[in-house]
Amino acid sequence: MSNEQDIESRRRFLKVAAGTTVAAVVIGGLPRFARAADLPALTEADPTAKALGYVEDASKTADAKHKAGDNCANCQFYTGAATGRGPCQLFPGKSVNAKGWCVSHTPKKA
């Protein structure tokens, strides 16, 4: 093989490798996005929710630890949108209400 053929072979290999890597990242990322919307809703009757004093509506809690304006949407453990439902690190595999609250509420750092 000539030097020119070696260079062409390397270029072809790098193009295929780069394309395969990009495709794998895109395909691997898609299921993660789909699963976030499919999480079952956490209910106040759930044992973990009870243990952490979770409520669906923060404005209706009587817990002394609750401060006005605290809710899941502004907690560092919540990774969902500001409205609706989303995942919380404290309740793996479940979605919590953005308007909800629990005793482990920790404000997001600015």
N, C-alpha and C. Protein backbone atom coordinates (compact mmCIF):
# COMPACT_ATOMS: atom_id res chain seq x y z
N MET A 1 0.83 -1.18 0.00
CA MET A 1 0.00 0.00 0.00
C MET A 1 0.87 1.25 0.00
N SER A 2 0.43 2.23 -0.68
CA SER A 2 1.20 3.48 -0.71
C SER A 2 0.81 4.34 0.48
N ASN A 3 1.60 5.32 0.74
CA ASN A 3 1.35 6.24 1.84
C ASN A 3 0.01 6.94 1.66
N GLU A 4 -0.32 7.29 0.41
CA GLU A 4 -1.58 7.96 0.11
C GLU A 4 -2.78 7.06 0.42
N GLN A 5 -2.68 5.79 0.14
CA GLN A 5 -3.75 4.84 0.44
C GLN A 5 -3.90 4.67 1.95
N ASP A 6 -2.79 4.67 2.69
CA ASP A 6 -2.85 4.56 4.15
C ASP A 6 -3.60 5.75 4.75
N ILE A 7 -3.28 6.93 4.26
CA ILE A 7 -3.94 8.14 4.76
C ILE A 7 -5.43 8.10 4.46
N GLU A 8 -5.79 7.68 3.25
CA GLU A 8 -7.21 7.59 2.87
C GLU A 8 -7.94 6.56 3.73
N SER A 9 -7.29 5.43 4.02
CA SER A 9 -7.90 4.39 4.86
C SER A 9 -8.14 4.92 6.27
N ARG A 10 -7.16 5.65 6.80
CA ARG A 10 -7.31 6.23 8.14
C ARG A 10 -8.46 7.22 8.17
N ARG A 11 -8.55 8.05 7.16
CA ARG A 11 -9.62 9.04 7.10
C ARG A 11 -10.99 8.37 7.06
N ARG A 12 -11.12 7.35 6.24
CA ARG A 12 -12.37 6.61 6.14
C ARG A 12 -12.72 5.98 7.49
N PHE A 13 -11.71 5.38 8.15
CA PHE A 13 -11.94 4.77 9.46
C PHE A 13 -12.41 5.81 10.48
N LEU A 14 -11.76 6.96 10.53
CA LEU A 14 -12.12 8.00 11.48
C LEU A 14 -13.53 8.54 11.22
N LYS A 15 -13.90 8.68 9.95
CA LYS A 15 -15.24 9.14 9.62
C LYS A 15 -16.30 8.15 10.10
N VAL A 16 -16.07 6.88 9.84
CA VAL A 16 -17.02 5.84 10.27
C VAL A 16 -17.09 5.77 11.79
N ALA A 17 -15.93 5.85 12.46
CA ALA A 17 -15.90 5.79 13.92
C ALA A 17 -16.63 6.98 14.52
N ALA A 18 -16.43 8.18 13.99
CA ALA A 18 -17.10 9.37 14.49
C ALA A 18 -18.62 9.28 14.28
N GLY A 19 -19.02 8.82 13.11
CA GLY A 19 -20.44 8.67 12.82
C GLY A 19 -21.10 7.66 13.73
N THR A 20 -20.43 6.56 13.97
CA THR A 20 -20.96 5.53 14.86
C THR A 20 -21.09 6.06 16.28
N THR A 21 -20.10 6.80 16.74
CA THR A 21 -20.13 7.36 18.09
C THR A 21 -21.29 8.34 18.25
N VAL A 22 -21.47 9.21 17.29
CA VAL A 22 -22.58 10.17 17.35
C VAL A 22 -23.92 9.44 17.35
N ALA A 23 -24.06 8.45 16.50
CA ALA A 23 -25.32 7.69 16.44
C ALA A 23 -25.58 6.99 17.77
N ALA A 24 -24.57 6.42 18.37
CA ALA A 24 -24.73 5.72 19.65
C ALA A 24 -25.15 6.68 20.76
N VAL A 25 -24.58 7.88 20.77
CA VAL A 25 -24.94 8.88 21.78
C VAL A 25 -26.40 9.32 21.60
N VAL A 26 -26.79 9.59 20.37
CA VAL A 26 -28.16 10.02 20.11
C VAL A 26 -29.15 8.92 20.46
N ILE A 27 -28.89 7.73 20.01
CA ILE A 27 -29.81 6.62 20.28
C ILE A 27 -29.83 6.28 21.77
N GLY A 28 -28.69 6.33 22.40
CA GLY A 28 -28.62 6.04 23.84
C GLY A 28 -29.31 7.09 24.68
N GLY A 29 -29.36 8.33 24.21
CA GLY A 29 -29.99 9.40 24.97
C GLY A 29 -31.50 9.44 24.84
N LEU A 30 -32.03 8.95 23.76
CA LEU A 30 -33.47 9.03 23.54
C LEU A 30 -34.31 8.30 24.59
N PRO A 31 -34.00 7.08 24.96
CA PRO A 31 -34.83 6.41 25.95
C PRO A 31 -34.86 7.14 27.29
N ARG A 32 -33.76 7.79 27.66
CA ARG A 32 -33.71 8.50 28.93
C ARG A 32 -34.75 9.60 28.96
N PHE A 33 -34.91 10.35 27.85
CA PHE A 33 -35.89 11.42 27.80
C PHE A 33 -37.31 10.85 27.83
N ALA A 34 -37.53 9.76 27.17
CA ALA A 34 -38.87 9.17 27.13
C ALA A 34 -39.27 8.64 28.51
N ARG A 35 -38.32 8.08 29.25
CA ARG A 35 -38.65 7.51 30.55
C ARG A 35 -39.02 8.56 31.59
N ALA A 36 -38.46 9.76 31.51
CA ALA A 36 -38.75 10.80 32.51
C ALA A 36 -40.25 11.12 32.54
N ALA A 37 -40.88 11.14 31.39
CA ALA A 37 -42.31 11.46 31.32
C ALA A 37 -43.17 10.27 31.76
N ASP A 38 -42.61 9.08 31.77
CA ASP A 38 -43.39 7.90 32.09
C ASP A 38 -43.31 7.48 33.56
N LEU A 39 -42.66 8.27 34.41
CA LEU A 39 -42.56 7.91 35.81
C LEU A 39 -43.93 7.93 36.47
N PRO A 40 -44.22 6.94 37.33
CA PRO A 40 -45.50 6.98 38.04
C PRO A 40 -45.50 8.11 39.07
N ALA A 41 -46.66 8.65 39.31
CA ALA A 41 -46.80 9.76 40.25
C ALA A 41 -46.64 9.27 41.69
N LEU A 42 -45.89 10.03 42.47
CA LEU A 42 -45.76 9.76 43.90
C LEU A 42 -47.04 10.19 44.58
N THR A 43 -47.55 9.36 45.47
CA THR A 43 -48.76 9.73 46.21
C THR A 43 -48.38 9.97 47.68
N GLU A 44 -49.20 10.71 48.37
CA GLU A 44 -48.96 10.99 49.78
C GLU A 44 -49.05 9.73 50.63
N ALA A 45 -49.68 8.68 50.10
CA ALA A 45 -49.83 7.41 50.81
C ALA A 45 -48.58 6.54 50.72
N ASP A 46 -47.66 6.86 49.82
CA ASP A 46 -46.42 6.10 49.66
C ASP A 46 -45.62 6.14 50.97
N PRO A 47 -45.05 5.00 51.41
CA PRO A 47 -44.31 4.97 52.68
C PRO A 47 -43.16 5.98 52.77
N THR A 48 -42.42 6.15 51.68
CA THR A 48 -41.32 7.12 51.68
C THR A 48 -41.87 8.54 51.74
N ALA A 49 -42.96 8.78 51.03
CA ALA A 49 -43.60 10.10 51.05
C ALA A 49 -44.07 10.42 52.46
N LYS A 50 -44.66 9.45 53.13
CA LYS A 50 -45.12 9.65 54.51
C LYS A 50 -43.94 9.96 55.43
N ALA A 51 -42.86 9.22 55.27
CA ALA A 51 -41.69 9.39 56.13
C ALA A 51 -41.08 10.79 55.97
N LEU A 52 -41.17 11.35 54.76
CA LEU A 52 -40.59 12.67 54.51
C LEU A 52 -41.63 13.78 54.53
N GLY A 53 -42.84 13.46 54.92
CA GLY A 53 -43.90 14.46 55.04
C GLY A 53 -44.27 15.11 53.72
N TYR A 54 -44.18 14.35 52.61
CA TYR A 54 -44.49 14.88 51.28
C TYR A 54 -45.97 15.22 51.17
N VAL A 55 -46.25 16.39 50.59
CA VAL A 55 -47.62 16.80 50.27
C VAL A 55 -47.64 17.25 48.81
N GLU A 56 -48.73 17.00 48.13
CA GLU A 56 -48.89 17.37 46.72
C GLU A 56 -48.97 18.88 46.53
N ASP A 57 -49.45 19.60 47.53
CA ASP A 57 -49.61 21.05 47.44
C ASP A 57 -48.97 21.69 48.67
N ALA A 58 -47.83 22.34 48.47
CA ALA A 58 -47.07 22.92 49.58
C ALA A 58 -47.89 23.92 50.39
N SER A 59 -48.83 24.60 49.77
CA SER A 59 -49.62 25.60 50.49
C SER A 59 -50.57 24.97 51.51
N LYS A 60 -50.75 23.65 51.42
CA LYS A 60 -51.68 22.98 52.33
C LYS A 60 -50.99 22.24 53.46
N THR A 61 -49.66 22.37 53.59
CA THR A 61 -48.96 21.67 54.66
C THR A 61 -49.05 22.46 55.96
N ALA A 62 -49.11 21.73 57.06
CA ALA A 62 -49.15 22.34 58.39
C ALA A 62 -47.81 22.15 59.11
N ASP A 63 -46.82 21.61 58.40
CA ASP A 63 -45.52 21.34 59.00
C ASP A 63 -44.81 22.65 59.34
N ALA A 64 -44.27 22.74 60.55
CA ALA A 64 -43.59 23.95 61.01
C ALA A 64 -42.31 24.24 60.23
N LYS A 65 -41.72 23.24 59.59
CA LYS A 65 -40.49 23.43 58.83
C LYS A 65 -40.74 24.12 57.49
N HIS A 66 -41.97 24.12 57.04
CA HIS A 66 -42.30 24.72 55.74
C HIS A 66 -42.22 26.24 55.83
N LYS A 67 -41.52 26.84 54.86
CA LYS A 67 -41.44 28.29 54.75
C LYS A 67 -42.24 28.72 53.53
N ALA A 68 -42.86 29.86 53.61
CA ALA A 68 -43.64 30.37 52.48
C ALA A 68 -42.79 30.41 51.22
N GLY A 69 -43.34 29.91 50.13
CA GLY A 69 -42.65 29.91 48.85
C GLY A 69 -41.85 28.64 48.57
N ASP A 70 -41.60 27.83 49.60
CA ASP A 70 -40.89 26.57 49.38
C ASP A 70 -41.79 25.57 48.67
N ASN A 71 -41.27 24.96 47.60
CA ASN A 71 -41.97 23.88 46.92
C ASN A 71 -40.94 23.05 46.16
N CYS A 72 -41.37 21.96 45.57
CA CYS A 72 -40.44 21.08 44.86
C CYS A 72 -39.74 21.78 43.71
N ALA A 73 -40.42 22.68 43.03
CA ALA A 73 -39.83 23.35 41.87
C ALA A 73 -38.58 24.15 42.22
N ASN A 74 -38.46 24.62 43.48
CA ASN A 74 -37.27 25.39 43.84
C ASN A 74 -36.36 24.62 44.81
N CYS A 75 -36.46 23.30 44.78
CA CYS A 75 -35.63 22.42 45.62
C CYS A 75 -34.48 21.84 44.78
N GLN A 76 -33.31 21.71 45.39
CA GLN A 76 -32.16 21.19 44.64
C GLN A 76 -32.29 19.73 44.24
N PHE A 77 -33.17 18.97 44.88
CA PHE A 77 -33.33 17.55 44.57
C PHE A 77 -34.29 17.31 43.40
N TYR A 78 -35.05 18.33 43.04
CA TYR A 78 -36.05 18.24 41.97
C TYR A 78 -35.40 18.60 40.65
N THR A 79 -35.60 17.77 39.61
CA THR A 79 -34.98 18.04 38.31
C THR A 79 -36.00 18.23 37.19
N GLY A 80 -37.24 18.42 37.53
CA GLY A 80 -38.28 18.60 36.51
C GLY A 80 -38.50 20.06 36.17
N ALA A 81 -39.56 20.30 35.42
CA ALA A 81 -39.94 21.66 35.01
C ALA A 81 -40.56 22.41 36.19
N ALA A 82 -40.69 23.72 36.05
CA ALA A 82 -41.24 24.55 37.12
C ALA A 82 -42.72 24.30 37.35
N THR A 83 -43.39 23.70 36.38
CA THR A 83 -44.81 23.36 36.54
C THR A 83 -44.99 21.90 36.18
N GLY A 84 -46.08 21.33 36.61
CA GLY A 84 -46.37 19.93 36.30
C GLY A 84 -45.68 18.98 37.26
N ARG A 85 -45.18 17.86 36.73
CA ARG A 85 -44.53 16.84 37.54
C ARG A 85 -43.13 16.59 37.02
N GLY A 86 -42.28 16.05 37.88
CA GLY A 86 -40.92 15.75 37.46
C GLY A 86 -40.22 14.85 38.45
N PRO A 87 -39.03 14.35 38.10
CA PRO A 87 -38.29 13.46 38.97
C PRO A 87 -37.66 14.19 40.16
N CYS A 88 -37.50 13.46 41.25
CA CYS A 88 -36.86 13.97 42.46
C CYS A 88 -35.87 12.91 42.93
N GLN A 89 -34.68 13.33 43.30
CA GLN A 89 -33.65 12.39 43.76
C GLN A 89 -34.05 11.67 45.03
N LEU A 90 -34.93 12.25 45.83
CA LEU A 90 -35.36 11.63 47.09
C LEU A 90 -36.38 10.52 46.88
N PHE A 91 -37.05 10.55 45.74
CA PHE A 91 -38.08 9.56 45.43
C PHE A 91 -37.77 8.92 44.08
N PRO A 92 -36.71 8.10 44.01
CA PRO A 92 -36.31 7.51 42.72
C PRO A 92 -37.43 6.67 42.10
N GLY A 93 -37.58 6.83 40.80
CA GLY A 93 -38.59 6.06 40.07
C GLY A 93 -39.98 6.63 40.16
N LYS A 94 -40.14 7.79 40.79
CA LYS A 94 -41.46 8.43 40.92
C LYS A 94 -41.36 9.87 40.47
N SER A 95 -42.49 10.44 40.09
CA SER A 95 -42.52 11.87 39.77
C SER A 95 -43.27 12.59 40.88
N VAL A 96 -42.80 13.78 41.20
CA VAL A 96 -43.46 14.58 42.24
C VAL A 96 -44.06 15.83 41.61
N ASN A 97 -45.00 16.40 42.30
CA ASN A 97 -45.66 17.61 41.82
C ASN A 97 -44.72 18.80 42.07
N ALA A 98 -44.55 19.65 41.06
CA ALA A 98 -43.69 20.83 41.22
C ALA A 98 -44.19 21.73 42.34
N LYS A 99 -45.49 21.66 42.63
CA LYS A 99 -46.08 22.46 43.71
C LYS A 99 -45.99 21.76 45.05
N GLY A 100 -45.45 20.54 45.06
CA GLY A 100 -45.37 19.75 46.29
C GLY A 100 -44.28 20.24 47.23
N TRP A 101 -44.12 19.52 48.35
CA TRP A 101 -43.11 19.88 49.35
C TRP A 101 -42.88 18.68 50.28
N CYS A 102 -41.67 18.57 50.81
CA CYS A 102 -41.38 17.58 51.85
C CYS A 102 -40.38 18.18 52.85
N VAL A 103 -40.17 17.53 53.97
CA VAL A 103 -39.30 18.07 55.02
C VAL A 103 -37.84 18.14 54.60
N SER A 104 -37.46 17.46 53.54
CA SER A 104 -36.08 17.49 53.06
C SER A 104 -35.83 18.62 52.06
N HIS A 105 -36.79 19.52 51.92
CA HIS A 105 -36.64 20.62 50.95
C HIS A 105 -35.35 21.38 51.23
N THR A 106 -34.55 21.54 50.19
CA THR A 106 -33.30 22.30 50.26
C THR A 106 -33.30 23.24 49.06
N PRO A 107 -33.29 24.55 49.33
CA PRO A 107 -33.36 25.51 48.21
C PRO A 107 -32.22 25.33 47.22
N LYS A 108 -32.53 25.53 45.93
CA LYS A 108 -31.50 25.48 44.90
C LYS A 108 -30.52 26.62 45.14
N LYS A 109 -29.25 26.32 44.85
CA LYS A 109 -28.23 27.35 44.99
C LYS A 109 -28.24 28.24 43.75
N ALA A 110 -28.10 29.51 44.00
CA ALA A 110 -28.15 30.48 42.89
C ALA A 110 -26.97 30.44 41.98
